[in-house]
Amino acid sequence: MKTNNTEGCALCNATWGEYYREIDGDNMLFCCNLCADAFEGMVAKVKENTGWEHIDSIELHGNYSKGRNCVARKGDEEFKYYFRTFSDGKMMTFEKR
């Protein structure tokens, strides 16, 4: 799965960590387990809302404190949403946009 964060962590783009987790069959780089937990939870919510089995890419805009506006894509389909997490990586808010 591709994200627009290409410098580091798949969620926050931080370059200081080196934590890997398999998400949807892809070994993805995160800065820490909390970002991996948040990303994995977000992917699960997208799949739950769309019925998709796989996501091709996710575009993320925003940050931890204000939340993130995102677009998930699968082929020609797209799903727009906003999400925010607690400091432990658990979902606080998930809204379809």
PDB file of N, CA and C in Angstrom:
ATOM      1  N   MET A   1       0.854  -1.166   0.000  1.00  0.00           N
ATOM      2  CA  MET A   1       0.000   0.000   0.000  1.00  0.00           C
ATOM      3  C   MET A   1       0.902   1.232   0.000  1.00  0.00           C
ATOM      4  N   LYS A   2       0.572   2.173  -0.834  1.00  0.00           N
ATOM      5  CA  LYS A   2       1.361   3.401  -0.923  1.00  0.00           C
ATOM      6  C   LYS A   2       0.711   4.496  -0.090  1.00  0.00           C
ATOM      7  N   THR A   3       1.557   5.375   0.452  1.00  0.00           N
ATOM      8  CA  THR A   3       1.081   6.589   1.107  1.00  0.00           C
ATOM      9  C   THR A   3       1.862   7.765   0.531  1.00  0.00           C
ATOM     10  N   ASN A   4       1.376   8.967   0.765  1.00  0.00           N
ATOM     11  CA  ASN A   4       2.097  10.147   0.304  1.00  0.00           C
ATOM     12  C   ASN A   4       3.268  10.493   1.229  1.00  0.00           C
ATOM     13  N   ASN A   5       3.414   9.774   2.330  1.00  0.00           N
ATOM     14  CA  ASN A   5       4.558   9.951   3.224  1.00  0.00           C
ATOM     15  C   ASN A   5       5.689   9.046   2.758  1.00  0.00           C
ATOM     16  N   THR A   6       6.646   9.618   2.085  1.00  0.00           N
ATOM     17  CA  THR A   6       7.709   8.818   1.469  1.00  0.00           C
ATOM     18  C   THR A   6       9.064   8.974   2.143  1.00  0.00           C
ATOM     19  N   GLU A   7       9.188   9.899   3.086  1.00  0.00           N
ATOM     20  CA  GLU A   7      10.473  10.149   3.734  1.00  0.00           C
ATOM     21  C   GLU A   7      10.724   9.230   4.922  1.00  0.00           C
ATOM     22  N   GLY A   8       9.656   8.795   5.592  1.00  0.00           N
ATOM     23  CA  GLY A   8       9.826   7.997   6.805  1.00  0.00           C
ATOM     24  C   GLY A   8       8.572   7.222   7.134  1.00  0.00           C
ATOM     25  N   CYS A   9       8.068   7.430   8.338  1.00  0.00           N
ATOM     26  CA  CYS A   9       6.905   6.719   8.849  1.00  0.00           C
ATOM     27  C   CYS A   9       5.711   6.835   7.893  1.00  0.00           C
ATOM     28  N   ALA A  10       5.041   5.726   7.651  1.00  0.00           N
ATOM     29  CA  ALA A  10       3.888   5.712   6.743  1.00  0.00           C
ATOM     30  C   ALA A  10       2.752   6.591   7.250  1.00  0.00           C
ATOM     31  N   LEU A  11       2.675   6.813   8.565  1.00  0.00           N
ATOM     32  CA  LEU A  11       1.611   7.650   9.118  1.00  0.00           C
ATOM     33  C   LEU A  11       2.046   9.102   9.297  1.00  0.00           C
ATOM     34  N   CYS A  12       3.141   9.333   9.998  1.00  0.00           N
ATOM     35  CA  CYS A  12       3.514  10.710  10.360  1.00  0.00           C
ATOM     36  C   CYS A  12       4.729  11.244   9.602  1.00  0.00           C
ATOM     37  N   ASN A  13       5.379  10.402   8.827  1.00  0.00           N
ATOM     38  CA  ASN A  13       6.536  10.768   8.006  1.00  0.00           C
ATOM     39  C   ASN A  13       7.804  11.050   8.820  1.00  0.00           C
ATOM     40  N   ALA A  14       7.795  10.736  10.125  1.00  0.00           N
ATOM     41  CA  ALA A  14       9.004  10.923  10.942  1.00  0.00           C
ATOM     42  C   ALA A  14      10.119  10.013  10.430  1.00  0.00           C
ATOM     43  N   THR A  15      11.336  10.494  10.511  1.00  0.00           N
ATOM     44  CA  THR A  15      12.471   9.729   9.999  1.00  0.00           C
ATOM     45  C   THR A  15      13.335   9.124  11.098  1.00  0.00           C
ATOM     46  N   TRP A  16      12.956   9.271  12.358  1.00  0.00           N
ATOM     47  CA  TRP A  16      13.798   8.826  13.461  1.00  0.00           C
ATOM     48  C   TRP A  16      13.620   7.372  13.846  1.00  0.00           C
ATOM     49  N   GLY A  17      12.552   6.715  13.469  1.00  0.00           N
ATOM     50  CA  GLY A  17      12.312   5.349  13.925  1.00  0.00           C
ATOM     51  C   GLY A  17      12.542   4.312  12.855  1.00  0.00           C
ATOM     52  N   GLU A  18      12.532   3.082  13.274  1.00  0.00           N
ATOM     53  CA  GLU A  18      12.686   1.979  12.324  1.00  0.00           C
ATOM     54  C   GLU A  18      11.879   0.790  12.824  1.00  0.00           C
ATOM     55  N   TYR A  19      10.562   0.949  12.775  1.00  0.00           N
ATOM     56  CA  TYR A  19       9.631  -0.084  13.230  1.00  0.00           C
ATOM     57  C   TYR A  19       8.845  -0.547  12.005  1.00  0.00           C
ATOM     58  N   TYR A  20       8.859  -1.829  11.735  1.00  0.00           N
ATOM     59  CA  TYR A  20       8.161  -2.366  10.562  1.00  0.00           C
ATOM     60  C   TYR A  20       6.977  -3.221  10.994  1.00  0.00           C
ATOM     61  N   ARG A  21       5.904  -3.135  10.197  1.00  0.00           N
ATOM     62  CA  ARG A  21       4.747  -3.997  10.423  1.00  0.00           C
ATOM     63  C   ARG A  21       4.121  -4.310   9.067  1.00  0.00           C
ATOM     64  N   GLU A  22       3.657  -5.546   8.935  1.00  0.00           N
ATOM     65  CA  GLU A  22       2.979  -5.940   7.707  1.00  0.00           C
ATOM     66  C   GLU A  22       1.524  -5.483   7.777  1.00  0.00           C
ATOM     67  N   ILE A  23       1.144  -4.666   6.798  1.00  0.00           N
ATOM     68  CA  ILE A  23      -0.225  -4.178   6.669  1.00  0.00           C
ATOM     69  C   ILE A  23      -0.688  -4.526   5.261  1.00  0.00           C
ATOM     70  N   ASP A  24      -1.760  -5.271   5.159  1.00  0.00           N
ATOM     71  CA  ASP A  24      -2.305  -5.682   3.854  1.00  0.00           C
ATOM     72  C   ASP A  24      -1.261  -6.362   2.966  1.00  0.00           C
ATOM     73  N   GLY A  25      -0.382  -7.127   3.572  1.00  0.00           N
ATOM     74  CA  GLY A  25       0.611  -7.854   2.801  1.00  0.00           C
ATOM     75  C   GLY A  25       1.858  -7.055   2.461  1.00  0.00           C
ATOM     76  N   ASP A  26       1.898  -5.779   2.848  1.00  0.00           N
ATOM     77  CA  ASP A  26       3.069  -4.935   2.595  1.00  0.00           C
ATOM     78  C   ASP A  26       3.823  -4.699   3.895  1.00  0.00           C
ATOM     79  N   ASN A  27       5.141  -4.853   3.867  1.00  0.00           N
ATOM     80  CA  ASN A  27       5.977  -4.567   5.027  1.00  0.00           C
ATOM     81  C   ASN A  27       6.210  -3.057   5.047  1.00  0.00           C
ATOM     82  N   MET A  28       5.543  -2.363   5.975  1.00  0.00           N
ATOM     83  CA  MET A  28       5.559  -0.908   5.981  1.00  0.00           C
ATOM     84  C   MET A  28       6.421  -0.369   7.118  1.00  0.00           C
ATOM     85  N   LEU A  29       7.070   0.767   6.862  1.00  0.00           N
ATOM     86  CA  LEU A  29       7.933   1.430   7.832  1.00  0.00           C
ATOM     87  C   LEU A  29       7.136   2.431   8.657  1.00  0.00           C
ATOM     88  N   PHE A  30       7.301   2.365   9.967  1.00  0.00           N
ATOM     89  CA  PHE A  30       6.712   3.319  10.903  1.00  0.00           C
ATOM     90  C   PHE A  30       7.817   3.792  11.831  1.00  0.00           C
ATOM     91  N   CYS A  31       7.584   4.914  12.500  1.00  0.00           N
ATOM     92  CA  CYS A  31       8.579   5.389  13.459  1.00  0.00           C
ATOM     93  C   CYS A  31       8.469   4.611  14.769  1.00  0.00           C
ATOM     94  N   CYS A  32       7.251   4.126  15.093  1.00  0.00           N
ATOM     95  CA  CYS A  32       7.043   3.447  16.367  1.00  0.00           C
ATOM     96  C   CYS A  32       5.801   2.559  16.301  1.00  0.00           C
ATOM     97  N   ASN A  33       5.606   1.764  17.325  1.00  0.00           N
ATOM     98  CA  ASN A  33       4.454   0.868  17.356  1.00  0.00           C
ATOM     99  C   ASN A  33       3.136   1.637  17.488  1.00  0.00           C
ATOM    100  N   LEU A  34       3.142   2.824  18.082  1.00  0.00           N
ATOM    101  CA  LEU A  34       1.906   3.608  18.204  1.00  0.00           C
ATOM    102  C   LEU A  34       1.408   4.081  16.853  1.00  0.00           C
ATOM    103  N   CYS A  35       2.308   4.543  16.003  1.00  0.00           N
ATOM    104  CA  CYS A  35       1.902   4.948  14.648  1.00  0.00           C
ATOM    105  C   CYS A  35       1.422   3.730  13.856  1.00  0.00           C
ATOM    106  N   ALA A  36       2.092   2.601  14.036  1.00  0.00           N
ATOM    107  CA  ALA A  36       1.659   1.372  13.353  1.00  0.00           C
ATOM    108  C   ALA A  36       0.273   0.952  13.829  1.00  0.00           C
ATOM    109  N   ASP A  37       0.015   1.040  15.134  1.00  0.00           N
ATOM    110  CA  ASP A  37      -1.304   0.707  15.678  1.00  0.00           C
ATOM    111  C   ASP A  37      -2.376   1.630  15.103  1.00  0.00           C
ATOM    112  N   ALA A  38      -2.095   2.940  15.082  1.00  0.00           N
ATOM    113  CA  ALA A  38      -3.050   3.921  14.565  1.00  0.00           C
ATOM    114  C   ALA A  38      -3.326   3.677  13.084  1.00  0.00           C
ATOM    115  N   PHE A  39      -2.277   3.416  12.312  1.00  0.00           N
ATOM    116  CA  PHE A  39      -2.425   3.178  10.879  1.00  0.00           C
ATOM    117  C   PHE A  39      -3.239   1.909  10.634  1.00  0.00           C
ATOM    118  N   GLU A  40      -2.917   0.863  11.359  1.00  0.00           N
ATOM    119  CA  GLU A  40      -3.622  -0.405  11.208  1.00  0.00           C
ATOM    120  C   GLU A  40      -5.109  -0.253  11.563  1.00  0.00           C
ATOM    121  N   GLY A  41      -5.406   0.496  12.626  1.00  0.00           N
ATOM    122  CA  GLY A  41      -6.792   0.751  13.002  1.00  0.00           C
ATOM    123  C   GLY A  41      -7.525   1.567  11.956  1.00  0.00           C
ATOM    124  N   MET A  42      -6.842   2.553  11.374  1.00  0.00           N
ATOM    125  CA  MET A  42      -7.423   3.382  10.326  1.00  0.00           C
ATOM    126  C   MET A  42      -7.730   2.557   9.086  1.00  0.00           C
ATOM    127  N   VAL A  43      -6.813   1.684   8.702  1.00  0.00           N
ATOM    128  CA  VAL A  43      -7.037   0.813   7.541  1.00  0.00           C
ATOM    129  C   VAL A  43      -8.249  -0.090   7.783  1.00  0.00           C
ATOM    130  N   ALA A  44      -8.370  -0.620   8.974  1.00  0.00           N
ATOM    131  CA  ALA A  44      -9.522  -1.478   9.309  1.00  0.00           C
ATOM    132  C   ALA A  44     -10.834  -0.703   9.188  1.00  0.00           C
ATOM    133  N   LYS A  45     -10.856   0.562   9.640  1.00  0.00           N
ATOM    134  CA  LYS A  45     -12.068   1.388   9.551  1.00  0.00           C
ATOM    135  C   LYS A  45     -12.423   1.700   8.100  1.00  0.00           C
ATOM    136  N   VAL A  46     -11.409   1.962   7.269  1.00  0.00           N
ATOM    137  CA  VAL A  46     -11.669   2.215   5.848  1.00  0.00           C
ATOM    138  C   VAL A  46     -12.296   0.980   5.216  1.00  0.00           C
ATOM    139  N   LYS A  47     -11.730  -0.183   5.475  1.00  0.00           N
ATOM    140  CA  LYS A  47     -12.262  -1.429   4.918  1.00  0.00           C
ATOM    141  C   LYS A  47     -13.687  -1.684   5.414  1.00  0.00           C
ATOM    142  N   GLU A  48     -13.933  -1.411   6.681  1.00  0.00           N
ATOM    143  CA  GLU A  48     -15.260  -1.593   7.262  1.00  0.00           C
ATOM    144  C   GLU A  48     -16.285  -0.691   6.574  1.00  0.00           C
ATOM    145  N   ASN A  49     -15.896   0.545   6.256  1.00  0.00           N
ATOM    146  CA  ASN A  49     -16.799   1.503   5.635  1.00  0.00           C
ATOM    147  C   ASN A  49     -16.981   1.300   4.137  1.00  0.00           C
ATOM    148  N   THR A  50     -15.991   0.721   3.471  1.00  0.00           N
ATOM    149  CA  THR A  50     -16.052   0.578   2.014  1.00  0.00           C
ATOM    150  C   THR A  50     -16.382  -0.837   1.551  1.00  0.00           C
ATOM    151  N   GLY A  51     -16.084  -1.821   2.382  1.00  0.00           N
ATOM    152  CA  GLY A  51     -16.239  -3.208   1.958  1.00  0.00           C
ATOM    153  C   GLY A  51     -15.064  -3.700   1.128  1.00  0.00           C
ATOM    154  N   TRP A  52     -14.043  -2.864   0.967  1.00  0.00           N
ATOM    155  CA  TRP A  52     -12.865  -3.254   0.202  1.00  0.00           C
ATOM    156  C   TRP A  52     -12.066  -4.304   0.966  1.00  0.00           C
ATOM    157  N   GLU A  53     -11.467  -5.221   0.231  1.00  0.00           N
ATOM    158  CA  GLU A  53     -10.569  -6.199   0.839  1.00  0.00           C
ATOM    159  C   GLU A  53      -9.129  -5.697   0.851  1.00  0.00           C
ATOM    160  N   HIS A  54      -8.822  -4.759  -0.045  1.00  0.00           N
ATOM    161  CA  HIS A  54      -7.465  -4.240  -0.183  1.00  0.00           C
ATOM    162  C   HIS A  54      -7.533  -2.756  -0.535  1.00  0.00           C
ATOM    163  N   ILE A  55      -6.555  -1.994  -0.081  1.00  0.00           N
ATOM    164  CA  ILE A  55      -6.448  -0.569  -0.385  1.00  0.00           C
ATOM    165  C   ILE A  55      -5.169  -0.366  -1.178  1.00  0.00           C
ATOM    166  N   ASP A  56      -5.267   0.341  -2.312  1.00  0.00           N
ATOM    167  CA  ASP A  56      -4.083   0.596  -3.132  1.00  0.00           C
ATOM    168  C   ASP A  56      -3.205   1.700  -2.551  1.00  0.00           C
ATOM    169  N   SER A  57      -3.847   2.805  -2.116  1.00  0.00           N
ATOM    170  CA  SER A  57      -3.070   3.927  -1.596  1.00  0.00           C
ATOM    171  C   SER A  57      -3.907   4.759  -0.631  1.00  0.00           C
ATOM    172  N   ILE A  58      -3.193   5.484   0.228  1.00  0.00           N
ATOM    173  CA  ILE A  58      -3.825   6.410   1.164  1.00  0.00           C
ATOM    174  C   ILE A  58      -3.038   7.714   1.151  1.00  0.00           C
ATOM    175  N   GLU A  59      -3.764   8.803   0.968  1.00  0.00           N
ATOM    176  CA  GLU A  59      -3.185  10.143   1.020  1.00  0.00           C
ATOM    177  C   GLU A  59      -3.586  10.754   2.350  1.00  0.00           C
ATOM    178  N   LEU A  60      -2.600  11.148   3.151  1.00  0.00           N
ATOM    179  CA  LEU A  60      -2.845  11.672   4.492  1.00  0.00           C
ATOM    180  C   LEU A  60      -2.408  13.134   4.580  1.00  0.00           C
ATOM    181  N   HIS A  61      -3.277  13.984   5.151  1.00  0.00           N
ATOM    182  CA  HIS A  61      -2.960  15.395   5.368  1.00  0.00           C
ATOM    183  C   HIS A  61      -3.376  15.759   6.778  1.00  0.00           C
ATOM    184  N   GLY A  62      -2.467  16.324   7.537  1.00  0.00           N
ATOM    185  CA  GLY A  62      -2.750  16.715   8.909  1.00  0.00           C
ATOM    186  C   GLY A  62      -1.730  16.106   9.846  1.00  0.00           C
ATOM    187  N   ASN A  63      -2.098  16.063  11.130  1.00  0.00           N
ATOM    188  CA  ASN A  63      -1.159  15.548  12.120  1.00  0.00           C
ATOM    189  C   ASN A  63      -1.912  14.973  13.311  1.00  0.00           C
ATOM    190  N   TYR A  64      -1.152  14.524  14.284  1.00  0.00           N
ATOM    191  CA  TYR A  64      -1.723  13.890  15.471  1.00  0.00           C
ATOM    192  C   TYR A  64      -2.661  14.831  16.222  1.00  0.00           C
ATOM    193  N   SER A  65      -2.243  16.071  16.436  1.00  0.00           N
ATOM    194  CA  SER A  65      -3.009  16.964  17.302  1.00  0.00           C
ATOM    195  C   SER A  65      -4.319  17.460  16.681  1.00  0.00           C
ATOM    196  N   LYS A  66      -4.344  17.682  15.391  1.00  0.00           N
ATOM    197  CA  LYS A  66      -5.556  18.196  14.739  1.00  0.00           C
ATOM    198  C   LYS A  66      -6.306  17.129  13.964  1.00  0.00           C
ATOM    199  N   GLY A  67      -5.722  15.966  13.825  1.00  0.00           N
ATOM    200  CA  GLY A  67      -6.342  14.903  13.051  1.00  0.00           C
ATOM    201  C   GLY A  67      -5.892  14.951  11.602  1.00  0.00           C
ATOM    202  N   ARG A  68      -6.326  13.972  10.842  1.00  0.00           N
ATOM    203  CA  ARG A  68      -5.891  13.848   9.452  1.00  0.00           C
ATOM    204  C   ARG A  68      -7.071  13.717   8.509  1.00  0.00           C
ATOM    205  N   ASN A  69      -7.054  14.505   7.433  1.00  0.00           N
ATOM    206  CA  ASN A  69      -7.998  14.353   6.338  1.00  0.00           C
ATOM    207  C   ASN A  69      -7.323  13.453   5.319  1.00  0.00           C
ATOM    208  N   CYS A  70      -8.030  12.425   4.879  1.00  0.00           N
ATOM    209  CA  CYS A  70      -7.411  11.399   4.051  1.00  0.00           C
ATOM    210  C   CYS A  70      -8.277  11.020   2.857  1.00  0.00           C
ATOM    211  N   VAL A  71      -7.618  10.425   1.880  1.00  0.00           N
ATOM    212  CA  VAL A  71      -8.301   9.830   0.737  1.00  0.00           C
ATOM    213  C   VAL A  71      -7.689   8.453   0.523  1.00  0.00           C
ATOM    214  N   ALA A  72      -8.527   7.427   0.614  1.00  0.00           N
ATOM    215  CA  ALA A  72      -8.088   6.059   0.312  1.00  0.00           C
ATOM    216  C   ALA A  72      -8.545   5.743  -1.103  1.00  0.00           C
ATOM    217  N   ARG A  73      -7.712   5.003  -1.826  1.00  0.00           N
ATOM    218  CA  ARG A  73      -8.047   4.656  -3.213  1.00  0.00           C
ATOM    219  C   ARG A  73      -7.885   3.159  -3.451  1.00  0.00           C
ATOM    220  N   LYS A  74      -8.805   2.657  -4.251  1.00  0.00           N
ATOM    221  CA  LYS A  74      -8.731   1.278  -4.731  1.00  0.00           C
ATOM    222  C   LYS A  74      -9.176   1.328  -6.191  1.00  0.00           C
ATOM    223  N   GLY A  75      -8.229   1.140  -7.087  1.00  0.00           N
ATOM    224  CA  GLY A  75      -8.544   1.280  -8.508  1.00  0.00           C
ATOM    225  C   GLY A  75      -9.060   2.683  -8.783  1.00  0.00           C
ATOM    226  N   ASP A  76     -10.233   2.792  -9.409  1.00  0.00           N
ATOM    227  CA  ASP A  76     -10.838   4.083  -9.725  1.00  0.00           C
ATOM    228  C   ASP A  76     -11.711   4.624  -8.594  1.00  0.00           C
ATOM    229  N   GLU A  77     -11.885   3.857  -7.540  1.00  0.00           N
ATOM    230  CA  GLU A  77     -12.732   4.277  -6.421  1.00  0.00           C
ATOM    231  C   GLU A  77     -11.908   5.044  -5.397  1.00  0.00           C
ATOM    232  N   GLU A  78     -12.578   5.976  -4.709  1.00  0.00           N
ATOM    233  CA  GLU A  78     -11.918   6.682  -3.619  1.00  0.00           C
ATOM    234  C   GLU A  78     -12.893   6.882  -2.467  1.00  0.00           C
ATOM    235  N   PHE A  79     -12.329   6.960  -1.270  1.00  0.00           N
ATOM    236  CA  PHE A  79     -13.095   7.143  -0.042  1.00  0.00           C
ATOM    237  C   PHE A  79     -12.409   8.236   0.760  1.00  0.00           C
ATOM    238  N   LYS A  80     -13.139   9.336   1.033  1.00  0.00           N
ATOM    239  CA  LYS A  80     -12.587  10.460   1.784  1.00  0.00           C
ATOM    240  C   LYS A  80     -13.056  10.376   3.223  1.00  0.00           C
ATOM    241  N   TYR A  81     -12.140  10.666   4.151  1.00  0.00           N
ATOM    242  CA  TYR A  81     -12.468  10.559   5.559  1.00  0.00           C
ATOM    243  C   TYR A  81     -11.512  11.396   6.414  1.00  0.00           C
ATOM    244  N   TYR A  82     -11.907  11.566   7.661  1.00  0.00           N
ATOM    245  CA  TYR A  82     -11.110  12.258   8.666  1.00  0.00           C
ATOM    246  C   TYR A  82     -10.943  11.299   9.834  1.00  0.00           C
ATOM    247  N   PHE A  83      -9.756  11.273  10.419  1.00  0.00           N
ATOM    248  CA  PHE A  83      -9.592  10.477  11.634  1.00  0.00           C
ATOM    249  C   PHE A  83      -8.608  11.135  12.585  1.00  0.00           C
ATOM    250  N   ARG A  84      -8.805  10.800  13.851  1.00  0.00           N
ATOM    251  CA  ARG A  84      -7.934  11.289  14.917  1.00  0.00           C
ATOM    252  C   ARG A  84      -7.803  10.177  15.940  1.00  0.00           C
ATOM    253  N   THR A  85      -6.629  10.066  16.545  1.00  0.00           N
ATOM    254  CA  THR A  85      -6.395   9.000  17.505  1.00  0.00           C
ATOM    255  C   THR A  85      -6.009   9.569  18.869  1.00  0.00           C
ATOM    256  N   PHE A  86      -6.166   8.736  19.870  1.00  0.00           N
ATOM    257  CA  PHE A  86      -5.659   9.049  21.200  1.00  0.00           C
ATOM    258  C   PHE A  86      -4.146   8.828  21.193  1.00  0.00           C
ATOM    259  N   SER A  87      -3.471   9.230  22.249  1.00  0.00           N
ATOM    260  CA  SER A  87      -2.012   9.099  22.313  1.00  0.00           C
ATOM    261  C   SER A  87      -1.537   7.649  22.300  1.00  0.00           C
ATOM    262  N   ASP A  88      -2.437   6.708  22.624  1.00  0.00           N
ATOM    263  CA  ASP A  88      -2.051   5.294  22.598  1.00  0.00           C
ATOM    264  C   ASP A  88      -2.295   4.638  21.237  1.00  0.00           C
ATOM    265  N   GLY A  89      -2.698   5.421  20.225  1.00  0.00           N
ATOM    266  CA  GLY A  89      -2.912   4.904  18.880  1.00  0.00           C
ATOM    267  C   GLY A  89      -4.318   4.407  18.614  1.00  0.00           C
ATOM    268  N   LYS A  90      -5.179   4.404  19.637  1.00  0.00           N
ATOM    269  CA  LYS A  90      -6.560   3.941  19.443  1.00  0.00           C
ATOM    270  C   LYS A  90      -7.401   5.062  18.824  1.00  0.00           C
ATOM    271  N   MET A  91      -8.399   4.649  18.034  1.00  0.00           N
ATOM    272  CA  MET A  91      -9.240   5.584  17.299  1.00  0.00           C
ATOM    273  C   MET A  91     -10.080   6.444  18.235  1.00  0.00           C
ATOM    274  N   MET A  92     -10.019   7.753  18.038  1.00  0.00           N
ATOM    275  CA  MET A  92     -10.844   8.703  18.770  1.00  0.00           C
ATOM    276  C   MET A  92     -12.036   9.097  17.896  1.00  0.00           C
ATOM    277  N   THR A  93     -11.760   9.449  16.634  1.00  0.00           N
ATOM    278  CA  THR A  93     -12.778   9.932  15.698  1.00  0.00           C
ATOM    279  C   THR A  93     -12.508   9.351  14.321  1.00  0.00           C
ATOM    280  N   PHE A  94     -13.573   8.917  13.661  1.00  0.00           N
ATOM    281  CA  PHE A  94     -13.484   8.491  12.258  1.00  0.00           C
ATOM    282  C   PHE A  94     -14.769   8.945  11.586  1.00  0.00           C
ATOM    283  N   GLU A  95     -14.640   9.849  10.610  1.00  0.00           N
ATOM    284  CA  GLU A  95     -15.809  10.401   9.931  1.00  0.00           C
ATOM    285  C   GLU A  95     -15.635  10.346   8.429  1.00  0.00           C
ATOM    286  N   LYS A  96     -16.648   9.863   7.752  1.00  0.00           N
ATOM    287  CA  LYS A  96     -16.675   9.891   6.294  1.00  0.00           C
ATOM    288  C   LYS A  96     -16.852  11.335   5.859  1.00  0.00           C
ATOM    289  N   ARG A  97     -16.149  11.735   4.838  1.00  0.00           N
ATOM    290  CA  ARG A  97     -16.248  13.116   4.320  1.00  0.00           C
ATOM    291  C   ARG A  97     -16.851  13.130   2.941  1.00  0.00           C
TER     292      ARG A  97
END
